[in-house]
Amino acid sequence: MDGLEDSLDKCSASALGPTVVIPPTDTGVPNLQFTSGCTLQDLIDQCGVGVKNHGQFVSCVSHLTNDLRKQGILTSAQR
């Protein structure tokens, strides 16, 4: 449970581990939680839904992390 009321939670079954894991690698990047109820891990996991190949997944994660870096949420190293 992430502490956000289910009716407001965009990711009701959040991945709550301490760091982001892209199997088999633990990236060491903190698994941040956003006001939407989603964690960074949730958002990265969503990049894998419906993709046809690894390149599409990588592109999605790259766009996501670039946006978070521009907002000052992630550092360049974490990106």
N, C-alpha and C. Protein backbone atom coordinates (compact mmCIF):
# COMPACT_ATOMS: atom_id res chain seq x y z
N MET A 1 0.85 -1.18 0.00
CA MET A 1 0.00 0.00 0.00
C MET A 1 0.90 1.24 0.00
N ASP A 2 0.57 2.20 -0.86
CA ASP A 2 1.39 3.40 -0.98
C ASP A 2 0.83 4.61 -0.23
N GLY A 3 -0.31 4.43 0.45
CA GLY A 3 -0.84 5.50 1.28
C GLY A 3 -1.76 6.47 0.57
N LEU A 4 -2.00 6.29 -0.71
CA LEU A 4 -2.89 7.18 -1.45
C LEU A 4 -4.24 6.49 -1.63
N GLU A 5 -5.32 7.24 -1.43
CA GLU A 5 -6.67 6.70 -1.59
C GLU A 5 -6.82 6.10 -2.99
N ASP A 6 -7.37 4.90 -3.07
CA ASP A 6 -7.46 4.17 -4.33
C ASP A 6 -8.14 4.96 -5.44
N SER A 7 -9.14 5.76 -5.13
CA SER A 7 -9.85 6.50 -6.17
C SER A 7 -8.96 7.58 -6.81
N LEU A 8 -7.88 7.97 -6.14
CA LEU A 8 -6.97 8.99 -6.66
C LEU A 8 -5.68 8.40 -7.21
N ASP A 9 -5.49 7.11 -6.97
CA ASP A 9 -4.23 6.44 -7.27
C ASP A 9 -4.21 5.92 -8.70
N LYS A 10 -3.32 6.44 -9.53
CA LYS A 10 -3.22 6.00 -10.92
C LYS A 10 -2.46 4.69 -11.05
N CYS A 11 -1.82 4.26 -9.97
CA CYS A 11 -1.07 3.00 -9.96
C CYS A 11 -1.37 2.29 -8.65
N SER A 12 -2.54 1.68 -8.58
CA SER A 12 -3.01 1.13 -7.31
C SER A 12 -2.18 -0.05 -6.80
N ALA A 13 -1.46 -0.71 -7.67
CA ALA A 13 -0.62 -1.84 -7.26
C ALA A 13 0.85 -1.47 -7.47
N SER A 14 1.27 -0.37 -6.84
CA SER A 14 2.61 0.17 -7.06
C SER A 14 3.72 -0.80 -6.68
N ALA A 15 4.79 -0.72 -7.46
CA ALA A 15 6.04 -1.41 -7.14
C ALA A 15 6.75 -0.54 -6.11
N LEU A 16 6.87 -1.03 -4.89
CA LEU A 16 7.36 -0.19 -3.79
C LEU A 16 8.78 -0.52 -3.34
N GLY A 17 9.53 -1.24 -4.15
CA GLY A 17 10.92 -1.52 -3.80
C GLY A 17 11.72 -0.23 -3.65
N PRO A 18 12.84 -0.30 -2.95
CA PRO A 18 13.62 0.92 -2.68
C PRO A 18 14.33 1.50 -3.90
N THR A 19 14.64 0.65 -4.88
CA THR A 19 15.34 1.12 -6.07
C THR A 19 14.66 0.58 -7.33
N VAL A 20 14.99 1.19 -8.46
CA VAL A 20 14.43 0.76 -9.74
C VAL A 20 15.21 -0.45 -10.23
N VAL A 21 14.46 -1.50 -10.60
CA VAL A 21 15.07 -2.73 -11.13
C VAL A 21 14.54 -2.95 -12.54
N ILE A 22 15.48 -3.05 -13.47
CA ILE A 22 15.16 -3.46 -14.83
C ILE A 22 15.86 -4.80 -15.00
N PRO A 23 15.10 -5.88 -14.82
CA PRO A 23 15.72 -7.21 -14.73
C PRO A 23 16.75 -7.47 -15.81
N PRO A 24 17.86 -8.00 -15.40
CA PRO A 24 18.23 -8.48 -14.07
C PRO A 24 18.99 -7.43 -13.24
N THR A 25 18.97 -6.18 -13.67
CA THR A 25 19.82 -5.16 -13.07
C THR A 25 19.09 -4.28 -12.06
N ASP A 26 19.65 -4.19 -10.86
CA ASP A 26 19.21 -3.19 -9.88
C ASP A 26 19.99 -1.93 -10.21
N THR A 27 19.30 -0.90 -10.68
CA THR A 27 19.98 0.31 -11.15
C THR A 27 20.57 1.14 -10.02
N GLY A 28 20.08 0.93 -8.80
CA GLY A 28 20.53 1.75 -7.68
C GLY A 28 19.84 3.11 -7.63
N VAL A 29 19.01 3.41 -8.62
CA VAL A 29 18.29 4.69 -8.66
C VAL A 29 17.09 4.58 -7.71
N PRO A 30 16.92 5.56 -6.82
CA PRO A 30 15.79 5.51 -5.89
C PRO A 30 14.46 5.39 -6.63
N ASN A 31 13.60 4.54 -6.11
CA ASN A 31 12.26 4.34 -6.68
C ASN A 31 11.34 5.41 -6.12
N LEU A 32 11.40 6.57 -6.73
CA LEU A 32 10.64 7.73 -6.27
C LEU A 32 9.14 7.49 -6.37
N GLN A 33 8.39 8.09 -5.46
CA GLN A 33 6.93 8.02 -5.53
C GLN A 33 6.40 9.40 -5.88
N PHE A 34 5.47 9.44 -6.82
CA PHE A 34 4.91 10.69 -7.30
C PHE A 34 3.51 10.90 -6.72
N THR A 35 3.02 12.12 -6.77
CA THR A 35 1.71 12.45 -6.19
C THR A 35 0.57 11.72 -6.89
N SER A 36 0.82 11.19 -8.07
CA SER A 36 -0.20 10.41 -8.80
C SER A 36 -0.43 9.06 -8.15
N GLY A 37 0.48 8.66 -7.25
CA GLY A 37 0.42 7.33 -6.66
C GLY A 37 1.35 6.36 -7.36
N CYS A 38 1.92 6.77 -8.47
CA CYS A 38 2.84 5.93 -9.22
C CYS A 38 4.27 6.12 -8.71
N THR A 39 5.03 5.04 -8.79
CA THR A 39 6.45 5.13 -8.49
C THR A 39 7.21 5.20 -9.81
N LEU A 40 8.49 5.52 -9.71
CA LEU A 40 9.33 5.53 -10.91
C LEU A 40 9.34 4.14 -11.54
N GLN A 41 9.40 3.11 -10.70
CA GLN A 41 9.37 1.74 -11.21
C GLN A 41 8.08 1.49 -11.99
N ASP A 42 6.95 1.96 -11.47
CA ASP A 42 5.67 1.79 -12.17
C ASP A 42 5.73 2.41 -13.57
N LEU A 43 6.26 3.62 -13.64
CA LEU A 43 6.31 4.34 -14.92
C LEU A 43 7.22 3.62 -15.90
N ILE A 44 8.35 3.11 -15.42
CA ILE A 44 9.26 2.37 -16.29
C ILE A 44 8.61 1.06 -16.72
N ASP A 45 7.94 0.39 -15.79
CA ASP A 45 7.24 -0.85 -16.15
C ASP A 45 6.18 -0.60 -17.22
N GLN A 46 5.50 0.55 -17.14
CA GLN A 46 4.49 0.88 -18.15
C GLN A 46 5.10 1.02 -19.54
N CYS A 47 6.37 1.40 -19.60
CA CYS A 47 7.05 1.51 -20.90
C CYS A 47 7.13 0.15 -21.60
N GLY A 48 7.07 -0.93 -20.85
CA GLY A 48 7.15 -2.26 -21.44
C GLY A 48 5.82 -2.83 -21.90
N VAL A 49 4.74 -2.14 -21.60
CA VAL A 49 3.41 -2.65 -21.96
C VAL A 49 3.12 -2.38 -23.44
N GLY A 50 2.88 -3.42 -24.16
CA GLY A 50 2.47 -3.29 -25.56
C GLY A 50 3.58 -2.97 -26.55
N VAL A 51 4.82 -2.96 -26.11
CA VAL A 51 5.90 -2.67 -27.05
C VAL A 51 6.19 -3.91 -27.90
N LYS A 52 6.65 -3.65 -29.11
CA LYS A 52 6.92 -4.75 -30.03
C LYS A 52 8.38 -5.19 -30.00
N ASN A 53 9.25 -4.35 -29.44
CA ASN A 53 10.66 -4.72 -29.39
C ASN A 53 11.38 -3.93 -28.29
N HIS A 54 12.60 -4.32 -28.02
CA HIS A 54 13.39 -3.70 -26.96
C HIS A 54 13.65 -2.22 -27.25
N GLY A 55 13.82 -1.88 -28.52
CA GLY A 55 14.07 -0.49 -28.89
C GLY A 55 12.94 0.44 -28.48
N GLN A 56 11.71 -0.01 -28.61
CA GLN A 56 10.57 0.80 -28.21
C GLN A 56 10.58 1.02 -26.69
N PHE A 57 10.91 -0.02 -25.94
CA PHE A 57 11.01 0.10 -24.49
C PHE A 57 12.10 1.11 -24.12
N VAL A 58 13.26 0.97 -24.71
CA VAL A 58 14.38 1.87 -24.42
C VAL A 58 14.02 3.31 -24.76
N SER A 59 13.36 3.52 -25.89
CA SER A 59 12.95 4.86 -26.29
C SER A 59 12.00 5.47 -25.27
N CYS A 60 11.03 4.70 -24.82
CA CYS A 60 10.06 5.18 -23.83
C CYS A 60 10.76 5.57 -22.53
N VAL A 61 11.65 4.69 -22.05
CA VAL A 61 12.37 4.97 -20.81
C VAL A 61 13.25 6.21 -20.98
N SER A 62 13.86 6.35 -22.14
CA SER A 62 14.72 7.51 -22.41
C SER A 62 13.91 8.81 -22.37
N HIS A 63 12.74 8.83 -23.01
CA HIS A 63 11.89 10.02 -22.98
C HIS A 63 11.43 10.33 -21.55
N LEU A 64 11.01 9.30 -20.83
CA LEU A 64 10.55 9.48 -19.46
C LEU A 64 11.65 10.06 -18.59
N THR A 65 12.83 9.46 -18.63
CA THR A 65 13.91 9.91 -17.75
C THR A 65 14.47 11.26 -18.18
N ASN A 66 14.44 11.56 -19.47
CA ASN A 66 14.86 12.90 -19.93
C ASN A 66 13.92 13.96 -19.37
N ASP A 67 12.62 13.69 -19.43
CA ASP A 67 11.64 14.64 -18.89
C ASP A 67 11.85 14.84 -17.39
N LEU A 68 12.09 13.75 -16.66
CA LEU A 68 12.29 13.86 -15.21
C LEU A 68 13.59 14.59 -14.88
N ARG A 69 14.61 14.41 -15.72
CA ARG A 69 15.87 15.14 -15.51
C ARG A 69 15.66 16.63 -15.76
N LYS A 70 14.95 16.98 -16.81
CA LYS A 70 14.68 18.39 -17.12
C LYS A 70 13.88 19.07 -16.01
N GLN A 71 13.02 18.29 -15.32
CA GLN A 71 12.24 18.82 -14.21
C GLN A 71 13.05 18.87 -12.91
N GLY A 72 14.26 18.36 -12.92
CA GLY A 72 15.10 18.35 -11.73
C GLY A 72 14.77 17.22 -10.76
N ILE A 73 14.02 16.24 -11.21
CA ILE A 73 13.63 15.12 -10.37
C ILE A 73 14.72 14.06 -10.35
N LEU A 74 15.35 13.83 -11.50
CA LEU A 74 16.48 12.91 -11.60
C LEU A 74 17.73 13.70 -11.96
N THR A 75 18.86 13.21 -11.53
CA THR A 75 20.13 13.78 -11.96
C THR A 75 20.51 13.17 -13.29
N SER A 76 21.51 13.75 -13.96
CA SER A 76 21.98 13.18 -15.22
C SER A 76 22.50 11.76 -15.01
N ALA A 77 23.18 11.52 -13.90
CA ALA A 77 23.71 10.19 -13.61
C ALA A 77 22.58 9.19 -13.38
N GLN A 78 21.51 9.61 -12.71
CA GLN A 78 20.39 8.71 -12.48
C GLN A 78 19.63 8.42 -13.75
N ARG A 79 19.58 9.39 -14.63
CA ARG A 79 18.89 9.23 -15.90
C ARG A 79 19.49 8.10 -16.67
